[in-house]
Amino acid sequence: MTVTTGLPRPVLDDSVRLTDDGVAILDRRTFPAREEWVLARDAQEVAEAIRAMVTQSSGPLFAAAAGLALTGRQIADRRVDDARATLASAGTALTIARPTNNHVRDAVTAVLTAPDVVRAASSAQLAEAVEAAAAAVAADYRARSAALGAATVELLPEGARVLTHCWMDTYLVELVRAAAAAGRQYTWIATETRPYLQGARLTAHTLAEMGQDVTLVTDGMVAAALAPGSSLGPVDALVTAADRVTMDGHVINKVGTLGHAVAAAAFDVPFLALVQAPDPQAATVADVVVEERDGLEVLSVLGARSASPLVERGWYPAFDVTPPRWVTTIVTDRGPFAPDRVAQYHQDEAHRSSR
């Protein structure tokens, strides 16, 4: 449960809404310059919105949950076998929209395997069970993000200067709330995050909305910010989300994270990677599809071409992989783990379940 802190709720904390007409998704490609909503009228359109970067980070989980709830409503009057087939097809479309982050995969699995969903004897019962399961998945994600935020605050002292990269979404919001609940205030440095500028538009905006002191830097300034003698002052920690953490401690996150982690290690700045849990289905990086997007995307910024018209090729790996040697701590909803011990998260879970 989210702790009430008196902080304003940022706009992006409520950016997916299930309506009578479909799933309304705040378009993060244009926010905050314009507050526009994309209406997805079925799960396939939700998947396309995820693929097209209308929403990113935690957003696809909430969008996928809403997309399944919408599908449930749309199959309520069908034959139950047809309803289940349509629901499974929706789940597949959502899962493969963007493959690197496992949030959507896990959300879809949780909904489709919920006991009431499995036991439903009619399409009407199935629809009701799917909507309830989707709401439970979204609520659980928020609760676990709050626990993750609280665990991170335990590692960051009052007055810490924190450098972050890209957009941590719900993790960031809950971290700021947990800090406020603990009576702590941090100073933030945010990267702009090319080419979609999530850090400049989403992270910095949300931090400012929540009353935080934030300074924006370009991605190429990170090593200079981390270096001793920076005019910004000493950085106490590099803190990012992780789109995926493997069982052997590799961190997959927005491209640029690897370089920032290496620079942080060079200057003895701890790197905290935040994830609710390591992925038990990814023993190593070989088990993760690391998405590459169209290289033409790096030739423009927010729809305006920034490269010379003579340049025809770009390269855009959307994520990179940071080996455990460059990661200080992986923070989960059950607390911190050293990278080489992160598999213990699930071993502890199995031990508790066997009691």
Protein backbone atom coordinates (compact mmCIF):
# COMPACT_ATOMS: atom_id res chain seq x y z
CA MET A 1 0.00 0.00 0.00
CA THR A 2 1.28 3.46 -0.89
CA VAL A 3 2.15 5.62 2.10
CA THR A 4 0.36 8.97 2.21
CA THR A 5 3.04 11.66 2.34
CA GLY A 6 1.26 14.85 1.33
CA LEU A 7 3.24 14.96 -1.92
CA PRO A 8 1.26 15.81 -5.05
CA ARG A 9 0.41 12.87 -7.29
CA PRO A 10 2.33 13.31 -10.55
CA VAL A 11 0.41 13.15 -13.80
CA LEU A 12 2.33 10.13 -15.04
CA ASP A 13 1.30 8.09 -12.01
CA ASP A 14 -2.19 7.83 -13.53
CA SER A 15 -1.45 7.44 -17.22
CA VAL A 16 -3.47 4.33 -18.13
CA ARG A 17 -7.25 4.29 -17.70
CA LEU A 18 -9.82 1.64 -18.53
CA THR A 19 -12.90 3.42 -19.87
CA ASP A 20 -16.21 2.40 -21.42
CA ASP A 21 -14.68 3.01 -24.86
CA GLY A 22 -11.34 1.23 -24.41
CA VAL A 23 -7.95 1.79 -22.78
CA ALA A 24 -6.89 5.44 -22.66
CA ILE A 25 -3.09 5.78 -22.55
CA LEU A 26 -1.33 9.08 -21.95
CA ASP A 27 1.04 9.61 -24.89
CA ARG A 28 4.47 9.85 -23.30
CA ARG A 29 6.06 10.65 -26.65
CA THR A 30 4.65 14.18 -26.50
CA PHE A 31 4.26 14.76 -22.75
CA PRO A 32 4.65 17.29 -21.13
CA ALA A 33 4.54 19.62 -24.14
CA ARG A 34 1.09 18.23 -24.90
CA GLU A 35 -1.17 16.10 -22.72
CA GLU A 36 -2.70 13.79 -25.31
CA TRP A 37 -4.36 10.41 -24.85
CA VAL A 38 -4.33 7.48 -27.23
CA LEU A 39 -7.47 5.35 -27.13
CA ALA A 40 -6.87 1.63 -27.74
CA ARG A 41 -10.13 -0.15 -28.52
CA ASP A 42 -8.84 -3.70 -28.12
CA ALA A 43 -5.79 -5.59 -26.85
CA GLN A 44 -4.14 -5.55 -30.27
CA GLU A 45 -4.25 -1.74 -30.27
CA VAL A 46 -2.88 -1.69 -26.71
CA ALA A 47 0.01 -3.87 -27.89
CA GLU A 48 0.66 -1.52 -30.79
CA ALA A 49 0.68 1.47 -28.40
CA ILE A 50 3.29 -0.32 -26.29
CA ARG A 51 5.37 -1.14 -29.38
CA ALA A 52 5.15 2.45 -30.63
CA MET A 53 6.43 3.86 -27.32
CA VAL A 54 3.18 5.57 -26.40
CA THR A 55 3.96 4.23 -22.93
CA GLN A 56 7.19 2.84 -21.47
CA SER A 57 8.75 1.51 -18.25
CA SER A 58 5.92 0.56 -15.83
CA GLY A 59 3.31 1.86 -18.25
CA PRO A 60 3.13 -1.31 -20.38
CA LEU A 61 2.24 -3.40 -17.32
CA PHE A 62 -0.72 -1.18 -16.47
CA ALA A 63 -1.69 -1.00 -20.15
CA ALA A 64 -1.50 -4.78 -20.53
CA ALA A 65 -3.61 -5.36 -17.43
CA ALA A 66 -6.19 -2.90 -18.71
CA GLY A 67 -6.03 -4.48 -22.17
CA LEU A 68 -6.86 -7.89 -20.71
CA ALA A 69 -9.70 -6.42 -18.65
CA LEU A 70 -11.03 -4.80 -21.84
CA THR A 71 -10.78 -8.13 -23.65
CA GLY A 72 -12.75 -9.72 -20.83
CA ARG A 73 -15.56 -7.24 -21.36
CA GLN A 74 -15.52 -7.90 -25.10
CA ILE A 75 -15.83 -11.69 -24.76
CA ALA A 76 -18.53 -11.75 -22.08
CA ASP A 77 -21.27 -12.91 -24.47
CA ARG A 78 -19.28 -15.44 -26.51
CA ARG A 79 -19.01 -19.21 -26.23
CA VAL A 80 -16.57 -19.94 -23.43
CA ASP A 81 -14.06 -21.79 -25.65
CA ASP A 82 -14.02 -18.91 -28.13
CA ALA A 83 -13.71 -16.44 -25.26
CA ARG A 84 -10.68 -18.26 -23.86
CA ALA A 85 -9.03 -18.42 -27.28
CA THR A 86 -9.53 -14.68 -27.79
CA LEU A 87 -8.14 -13.98 -24.33
CA ALA A 88 -5.06 -16.12 -25.00
CA SER A 89 -4.47 -14.35 -28.32
CA ALA A 90 -4.68 -10.98 -26.57
CA GLY A 91 -2.16 -12.14 -23.99
CA THR A 92 0.28 -13.23 -26.69
CA ALA A 93 -0.01 -9.94 -28.57
CA LEU A 94 0.67 -7.95 -25.42
CA THR A 95 3.58 -10.13 -24.31
CA ILE A 96 5.54 -9.84 -27.55
CA ALA A 97 5.00 -6.10 -28.08
CA ARG A 98 8.34 -5.27 -26.46
CA PRO A 99 10.34 -8.31 -25.37
CA THR A 100 13.14 -7.10 -23.11
CA ASN A 101 11.16 -6.02 -20.03
CA ASN A 102 9.33 -8.98 -18.45
CA HIS A 103 6.63 -6.89 -16.70
CA VAL A 104 4.00 -7.55 -19.36
CA ARG A 105 4.81 -11.26 -19.63
CA ASP A 106 4.44 -11.70 -15.88
CA ALA A 107 1.25 -9.60 -15.74
CA VAL A 108 -0.37 -11.60 -18.53
CA THR A 109 0.63 -14.88 -16.90
CA ALA A 110 -0.73 -13.76 -13.53
CA VAL A 111 -4.09 -12.82 -15.03
CA LEU A 112 -4.51 -15.89 -17.22
CA THR A 113 -3.53 -18.30 -14.42
CA ALA A 114 -5.56 -16.63 -11.67
CA PRO A 115 -7.68 -19.35 -9.99
CA ASP A 116 -11.02 -17.70 -10.75
CA VAL A 117 -10.00 -17.23 -14.38
CA VAL A 118 -9.02 -20.88 -14.72
CA ARG A 119 -12.20 -22.11 -13.01
CA ALA A 120 -14.65 -19.85 -14.87
CA ALA A 121 -17.42 -22.00 -16.37
CA SER A 122 -18.99 -19.34 -18.59
CA SER A 123 -17.76 -16.41 -20.62
CA ALA A 124 -19.57 -14.04 -18.24
CA GLN A 125 -17.74 -15.55 -15.27
CA LEU A 126 -14.51 -15.42 -17.26
CA ALA A 127 -14.97 -11.73 -18.04
CA GLU A 128 -15.60 -10.88 -14.40
CA ALA A 129 -12.63 -12.96 -13.22
CA VAL A 130 -10.26 -11.43 -15.77
CA GLU A 131 -11.17 -7.88 -14.80
CA ALA A 132 -10.69 -8.66 -11.10
CA ALA A 133 -7.37 -10.40 -11.75
CA ALA A 134 -6.12 -7.50 -13.89
CA ALA A 135 -6.98 -5.02 -11.13
CA ALA A 136 -5.16 -7.23 -8.61
CA VAL A 137 -2.05 -7.36 -10.80
CA ALA A 138 -1.92 -3.57 -11.05
CA ALA A 139 -2.45 -3.15 -7.29
CA ASP A 140 0.22 -5.73 -6.50
CA TYR A 141 2.71 -3.98 -8.77
CA ARG A 142 2.14 -0.69 -6.96
CA ALA A 143 2.48 -2.34 -3.54
CA ARG A 144 5.72 -4.08 -4.52
CA SER A 145 7.07 -0.84 -6.00
CA ALA A 146 6.35 0.88 -2.68
CA ALA A 147 8.30 -1.85 -0.87
CA LEU A 148 11.14 -1.43 -3.36
CA GLY A 149 11.16 2.32 -2.77
CA ALA A 150 11.31 1.85 0.99
CA ALA A 151 14.20 -0.62 0.65
CA THR A 152 16.11 1.85 -1.52
CA VAL A 153 15.65 4.70 0.95
CA GLU A 154 17.38 2.56 3.57
CA LEU A 155 20.52 2.73 1.39
CA LEU A 156 20.40 6.47 0.67
CA PRO A 157 21.14 8.87 3.52
CA GLU A 158 19.41 12.18 4.09
CA GLY A 159 20.66 14.81 1.64
CA ALA A 160 22.06 12.31 -0.88
CA ARG A 161 22.75 13.52 -4.39
CA VAL A 162 21.37 10.86 -6.74
CA LEU A 163 22.10 10.50 -10.44
CA THR A 164 19.48 8.58 -12.42
CA HIS A 165 19.16 7.51 -16.04
CA CYS A 166 16.03 7.25 -18.17
CA TRP A 167 12.61 6.84 -16.55
CA MET A 168 11.99 4.69 -13.47
CA ASP A 169 8.26 5.43 -13.51
CA THR A 170 6.43 3.83 -10.54
CA TYR A 171 9.73 2.90 -8.91
CA LEU A 172 10.79 6.56 -8.94
CA VAL A 173 7.45 7.85 -7.65
CA GLU A 174 7.43 5.35 -4.80
CA LEU A 175 11.08 6.05 -3.97
CA VAL A 176 10.32 9.76 -3.58
CA ARG A 177 7.24 8.96 -1.49
CA ALA A 178 9.22 6.59 0.73
CA ALA A 179 11.92 9.22 1.23
CA ALA A 180 9.30 11.78 2.25
CA ALA A 181 7.75 9.30 4.68
CA ALA A 182 11.20 8.75 6.21
CA GLY A 183 11.83 12.50 6.46
CA ARG A 184 14.57 12.45 3.82
CA GLN A 185 15.14 14.79 0.90
CA TYR A 186 17.41 14.06 -2.03
CA THR A 187 19.00 16.15 -4.75
CA TRP A 188 18.61 14.66 -8.21
CA ILE A 189 20.60 14.67 -11.45
CA ALA A 190 18.65 13.29 -14.43
CA THR A 191 19.98 12.40 -17.86
CA GLU A 192 18.00 13.56 -20.88
CA THR A 193 18.03 10.01 -22.39
CA ARG A 194 18.28 10.15 -26.17
CA PRO A 195 16.53 9.65 -28.52
CA TYR A 196 13.10 9.83 -26.86
CA LEU A 197 14.27 12.15 -24.05
CA GLN A 198 12.41 10.23 -21.34
CA GLY A 199 14.70 11.67 -18.70
CA ALA A 200 14.26 15.26 -19.85
CA ARG A 201 10.51 15.01 -20.33
CA LEU A 202 9.30 12.37 -17.87
CA THR A 203 11.85 11.93 -15.07
CA ALA A 204 12.79 15.56 -14.58
CA HIS A 205 9.17 16.68 -14.93
CA THR A 206 7.90 14.16 -12.39
CA LEU A 207 10.64 14.97 -9.89
CA ALA A 208 9.85 18.67 -10.19
CA GLU A 209 6.11 17.94 -9.78
CA MET A 210 6.93 16.15 -6.53
CA GLY A 211 8.96 19.06 -5.18
CA GLN A 212 12.40 17.59 -5.78
CA ASP A 213 15.55 19.54 -6.61
CA VAL A 214 16.54 18.22 -10.06
CA THR A 215 19.28 19.16 -12.52
CA LEU A 216 19.16 17.93 -16.11
CA VAL A 217 22.29 16.75 -17.93
CA THR A 218 22.87 15.24 -21.36
CA ASP A 219 23.77 11.55 -21.52
CA GLY A 220 27.35 12.41 -22.43
CA MET A 221 27.87 14.47 -19.25
CA VAL A 222 27.45 11.60 -16.79
CA ALA A 223 31.15 10.76 -16.31
CA ALA A 224 31.91 14.45 -15.75
CA ALA A 225 29.11 14.66 -13.17
CA LEU A 226 30.45 11.60 -11.35
CA ALA A 227 34.07 12.77 -11.38
CA PRO A 228 35.57 14.35 -8.25
CA GLY A 229 35.48 18.11 -8.39
CA SER A 230 32.31 18.39 -10.43
CA SER A 231 30.66 21.76 -9.85
CA LEU A 232 27.40 19.86 -9.16
CA GLY A 233 28.98 18.47 -6.01
CA PRO A 234 29.76 14.85 -5.08
CA VAL A 235 27.29 12.25 -6.36
CA ASP A 236 26.39 9.75 -3.65
CA ALA A 237 24.79 7.09 -5.84
CA LEU A 238 23.83 6.15 -9.37
CA VAL A 239 20.28 4.77 -9.12
CA THR A 240 18.37 3.33 -12.05
CA ALA A 241 15.59 0.89 -12.65
CA ALA A 242 16.33 -2.43 -14.33
CA ASP A 243 14.11 -3.69 -17.11
CA ARG A 244 15.36 -7.17 -16.33
CA VAL A 245 17.88 -8.75 -13.93
CA THR A 246 19.17 -12.23 -14.70
CA MET A 247 19.70 -14.86 -12.06
CA ASP A 248 23.47 -14.43 -12.40
CA GLY A 249 23.24 -10.69 -11.68
CA HIS A 250 23.36 -9.00 -15.08
CA VAL A 251 21.32 -5.79 -15.31
CA ILE A 252 19.46 -5.03 -18.54
CA ASN A 253 18.27 -1.43 -18.75
CA LYS A 254 17.95 1.55 -21.08
CA VAL A 255 21.01 1.89 -23.29
CA GLY A 256 23.59 4.12 -21.60
CA THR A 257 23.28 2.41 -18.23
CA LEU A 258 26.39 0.31 -18.88
CA GLY A 259 28.58 3.34 -19.56
CA HIS A 260 27.23 5.16 -16.52
CA ALA A 261 27.87 2.11 -14.33
CA VAL A 262 31.48 1.83 -15.52
CA ALA A 263 32.05 5.55 -14.87
CA ALA A 264 30.48 5.23 -11.42
CA ALA A 265 32.78 2.34 -10.57
CA ALA A 266 35.79 4.32 -11.77
CA PHE A 267 34.94 7.09 -9.29
CA ASP A 268 33.83 4.81 -6.40
CA VAL A 269 30.17 5.84 -6.68
CA PRO A 270 27.80 2.96 -5.82
CA PHE A 271 25.38 1.81 -8.49
CA LEU A 272 21.98 0.65 -7.23
CA ALA A 273 19.81 -1.19 -9.78
CA LEU A 274 16.14 -1.39 -8.81
CA VAL A 275 13.91 -4.30 -9.79
CA GLN A 276 11.03 -5.95 -7.98
CA ALA A 277 12.60 -9.37 -8.49
CA PRO A 278 15.21 -11.07 -10.68
CA ASP A 279 13.70 -13.08 -13.51
CA PRO A 280 13.71 -16.82 -12.70
CA GLN A 281 13.23 -17.53 -16.42
CA ALA A 282 16.49 -15.77 -17.30
CA ALA A 283 19.44 -17.69 -15.90
CA THR A 284 21.83 -15.64 -18.05
CA VAL A 285 21.72 -12.86 -20.62
CA ALA A 286 21.38 -15.52 -23.31
CA ASP A 287 17.80 -15.99 -22.06
CA VAL A 288 16.86 -12.33 -22.69
CA VAL A 289 15.85 -10.77 -26.00
CA VAL A 290 17.66 -7.42 -25.99
CA GLU A 291 15.54 -5.21 -28.23
CA GLU A 292 17.04 -3.25 -31.09
CA ARG A 293 14.84 -0.55 -32.58
CA ASP A 294 15.04 1.01 -36.02
CA GLY A 295 18.31 2.90 -36.30
CA LEU A 296 16.50 5.73 -38.11
CA GLU A 297 15.01 6.71 -34.74
CA VAL A 298 18.34 8.17 -33.60
CA LEU A 299 18.44 10.53 -36.58
CA SER A 300 15.57 12.56 -35.11
CA VAL A 301 14.49 14.01 -31.77
CA LEU A 302 10.78 14.32 -30.98
CA GLY A 303 9.89 14.08 -34.65
CA ALA A 304 12.40 16.67 -35.87
CA ARG A 305 15.46 15.44 -37.75
CA SER A 306 18.65 16.23 -35.85
CA ALA A 307 21.18 14.48 -38.09
CA SER A 308 22.57 15.80 -41.32
CA PRO A 309 20.41 14.96 -44.35
CA LEU A 310 23.49 13.18 -45.72
CA VAL A 311 23.39 10.63 -42.88
CA GLU A 312 21.36 7.56 -43.79
CA ARG A 313 22.10 5.06 -41.05
CA GLY A 314 21.79 4.99 -37.28
CA TRP A 315 22.08 2.26 -34.65
CA TYR A 316 19.66 1.97 -31.75
CA PRO A 317 20.03 -0.84 -29.25
CA ALA A 318 17.20 0.14 -26.90
CA PHE A 319 18.87 -1.56 -23.93
CA ASP A 320 22.33 -2.57 -22.79
CA VAL A 321 23.65 -5.17 -20.39
CA THR A 322 25.68 -4.26 -17.31
CA PRO A 323 27.73 -7.19 -15.97
CA PRO A 324 27.63 -7.84 -12.20
CA ARG A 325 31.17 -6.52 -11.71
CA TRP A 326 29.89 -2.97 -12.37
CA VAL A 327 26.82 -3.25 -10.13
CA THR A 328 27.10 -2.51 -6.42
CA THR A 329 23.66 -3.59 -5.23
CA ILE A 330 20.46 -4.94 -6.75
CA VAL A 331 17.54 -3.63 -4.70
CA THR A 332 14.33 -5.68 -4.75
CA ASP A 333 10.99 -5.49 -3.00
CA ARG A 334 12.53 -7.80 -0.39
CA GLY A 335 15.59 -5.65 0.14
CA PRO A 336 19.12 -5.44 -1.26
CA PHE A 337 21.22 -8.23 -2.73
CA ALA A 338 24.79 -8.32 -3.97
CA PRO A 339 24.70 -9.12 -7.70
CA ASP A 340 26.28 -12.54 -7.18
CA ARG A 341 23.66 -13.35 -4.53
CA VAL A 342 20.53 -12.13 -6.27
CA ALA A 343 19.33 -15.69 -7.07
CA GLN A 344 18.83 -16.05 -3.33
CA TYR A 345 15.66 -13.95 -3.76
CA HIS A 346 13.84 -16.97 -5.18
CA GLN A 347 15.61 -19.47 -2.94
CA ASP A 348 14.30 -17.59 0.09
CA GLU A 349 10.83 -17.56 -1.49
CA ALA A 350 10.94 -21.32 -2.00
CA HIS A 351 12.09 -21.81 1.58
CA ARG A 352 9.18 -19.75 2.92
CA SER A 353 6.70 -21.65 0.74
CA SER A 354 7.93 -25.01 2.01
CA ARG A 355 7.22 -24.19 5.63
